[in-house]
Amino acid sequence: MALGLIFFSFLFQSCSSYKSIDYDSAMADKYQKIRVVMIDGAKYNGTLVKKDEQNLYISTWDGKTLKIAEKGIYEVKIKQFSYLKTGVLISLPIIGFYTFILFIEFLFGA
């Protein structure tokens, strides 16, 4: 049962991707997951708390609130659910299983 929950959690966690947005269009949605890429290459993941003209505030998974200056931001991305990735992750094991069955039947003539 626990293995099934871990698999289900992994499946839907990997079925999302980040989409780049403009800094000005970032809005403080209550549950919006966000990734901020800095000019120096550092990346910060968290939930958008608020935004003003000079700073972006995100809450990290450990409860810290980070104040990030706009002038140091290279890119802002929001996390979105990907139907394509979900479809591929669900269909690949099914296709692989049926291909394996057909291969076994071909080899042994069952």
Protein backbone atom coordinates (compact mmCIF):
# COMPACT_ATOMS: atom_id res chain seq x y z
CA MET A 1 0.00 0.00 0.00
CA ALA A 2 2.78 2.42 0.93
CA LEU A 3 4.64 1.60 -2.28
CA GLY A 4 1.51 2.44 -4.27
CA LEU A 5 1.21 5.82 -2.53
CA ILE A 6 4.86 6.59 -3.21
CA PHE A 7 4.45 5.64 -6.88
CA PHE A 8 1.25 7.73 -7.20
CA SER A 9 2.94 10.73 -5.55
CA PHE A 10 6.00 10.42 -7.80
CA LEU A 11 3.82 10.06 -10.88
CA PHE A 12 1.89 13.28 -10.33
CA GLN A 13 4.86 15.23 -9.06
CA SER A 14 6.71 14.51 -12.28
CA CYS A 15 3.66 15.39 -14.39
CA SER A 16 4.23 19.10 -14.07
CA SER A 17 6.58 21.54 -15.71
CA TYR A 18 7.61 25.15 -15.32
CA LYS A 19 6.43 27.84 -17.73
CA SER A 20 8.27 31.16 -18.02
CA ILE A 21 6.25 34.27 -17.27
CA ASP A 22 6.95 37.98 -17.26
CA TYR A 23 7.84 39.50 -13.86
CA ASP A 24 5.01 42.01 -14.19
CA SER A 25 2.40 39.29 -14.78
CA ALA A 26 3.36 37.32 -11.63
CA MET A 27 0.47 37.56 -9.19
CA ALA A 28 0.24 36.36 -5.60
CA ASP A 29 -2.04 33.36 -6.09
CA LYS A 30 -2.46 31.50 -2.80
CA TYR A 31 -1.13 28.13 -3.96
CA GLN A 32 0.93 29.15 -7.02
CA LYS A 33 4.25 27.30 -7.10
CA ILE A 34 7.04 29.40 -8.53
CA ARG A 35 10.71 29.05 -9.52
CA VAL A 36 12.95 32.10 -9.63
CA VAL A 37 16.18 31.85 -11.63
CA MET A 38 18.74 34.48 -10.73
CA ILE A 39 21.28 36.12 -13.03
CA ASP A 40 24.09 34.27 -11.21
CA GLY A 41 22.35 30.92 -11.88
CA ALA A 42 20.87 30.33 -8.41
CA LYS A 43 17.34 28.88 -8.36
CA TYR A 44 14.71 29.34 -5.69
CA ASN A 45 11.52 27.28 -5.50
CA GLY A 46 8.53 28.14 -3.38
CA THR A 47 5.10 29.67 -3.20
CA LEU A 48 4.60 33.27 -4.28
CA VAL A 49 3.62 35.37 -1.27
CA LYS A 50 3.60 38.89 -2.64
CA LYS A 51 5.24 41.13 -5.18
CA ASP A 52 5.97 44.81 -5.43
CA GLU A 53 7.82 46.87 -8.02
CA GLN A 54 11.27 46.10 -6.60
CA ASN A 55 11.01 42.76 -4.78
CA LEU A 56 9.44 39.33 -5.03
CA TYR A 57 8.63 37.42 -1.85
CA ILE A 58 8.42 33.63 -1.90
CA SER A 59 7.79 31.12 0.85
CA THR A 60 10.01 28.04 0.68
CA TRP A 61 9.05 24.48 1.67
CA ASP A 62 10.73 24.87 5.07
CA GLY A 63 8.66 27.95 5.94
CA LYS A 64 11.22 30.67 5.25
CA THR A 65 10.17 33.77 3.32
CA LEU A 66 12.75 35.00 0.83
CA LYS A 67 12.92 38.59 -0.38
CA ILE A 68 14.35 38.61 -3.91
CA ALA A 69 15.29 41.87 -5.64
CA GLU A 70 13.85 42.26 -9.15
CA LYS A 71 17.14 43.53 -10.58
CA GLY A 72 18.83 40.16 -9.80
CA ILE A 73 16.10 38.02 -11.40
CA TYR A 74 16.83 36.41 -14.75
CA GLU A 75 13.60 34.44 -15.13
CA VAL A 76 10.36 33.70 -13.27
CA LYS A 77 8.54 30.41 -13.89
CA ILE A 78 5.25 29.02 -12.64
CA LYS A 79 4.54 25.34 -12.12
CA GLN A 80 1.80 23.90 -14.33
CA PHE A 81 0.24 20.45 -14.67
CA SER A 82 1.26 18.79 -17.95
CA TYR A 83 -1.35 16.55 -19.59
CA LEU A 84 1.19 15.33 -22.16
CA LYS A 85 3.67 14.10 -19.53
CA THR A 86 0.86 12.46 -17.59
CA GLY A 87 -0.41 10.67 -20.68
CA VAL A 88 3.05 9.43 -21.58
CA LEU A 89 3.83 8.24 -18.04
CA ILE A 90 0.55 6.35 -17.84
CA SER A 91 0.57 4.87 -21.34
CA LEU A 92 4.22 3.73 -21.55
CA PRO A 93 3.97 0.98 -18.90
CA ILE A 94 0.72 -0.28 -20.46
CA ILE A 95 2.24 -0.38 -23.96
CA GLY A 96 5.37 -2.04 -22.59
CA PHE A 97 3.34 -4.70 -20.78
CA TYR A 98 1.29 -5.60 -23.85
CA THR A 99 4.40 -5.61 -26.05
CA PHE A 100 6.06 -7.99 -23.61
CA ILE A 101 3.00 -10.32 -23.68
CA LEU A 102 2.95 -10.31 -27.50
CA PHE A 103 6.68 -11.02 -27.60
CA ILE A 104 6.34 -13.97 -25.20
CA GLU A 105 3.43 -15.35 -27.23
CA PHE A 106 5.49 -15.00 -30.42
CA LEU A 107 8.49 -16.79 -28.91
CA PHE A 108 6.67 -19.67 -27.28
CA GLY A 109 3.60 -19.86 -29.53
CA ALA A 110 1.15 -19.95 -26.67
